Amino acid sequence: MAIELTPVAASEVKRIREEQKLDPDMHLRIGIGGGGCSGLQYALGFDDQFDPTIDASYEVNGVKIVTRKKYALHLDGTIIDFQD
């Protein structure tokens, strides 16, 4: 599975984590929920929980990314970017 976090997005994730005084080892968790007729809805947040039996972990541009293994098919090829 491939999730890409652009360098700009990675910098923003690190900035927010630092601004909120979160542990530097805190993961960026990607979640997916049903959006009805609008398709899937994606959620990003910080999390310190990781269960290797149900979670997958990746490191991209210095940011640890965690998601449920069952979301892998939906996230393959995802590119996360940031614009101010």
Foldseek 3Di string as FASTA:
>chain_A
DDEAEDLQNVVVVQVVCVVVPHDLLWAWEWEWDQPPPVGIDIDTDTHPDDDVVFKDWDAYNNHIYIYGPVCCVVRVPHYDYDDD
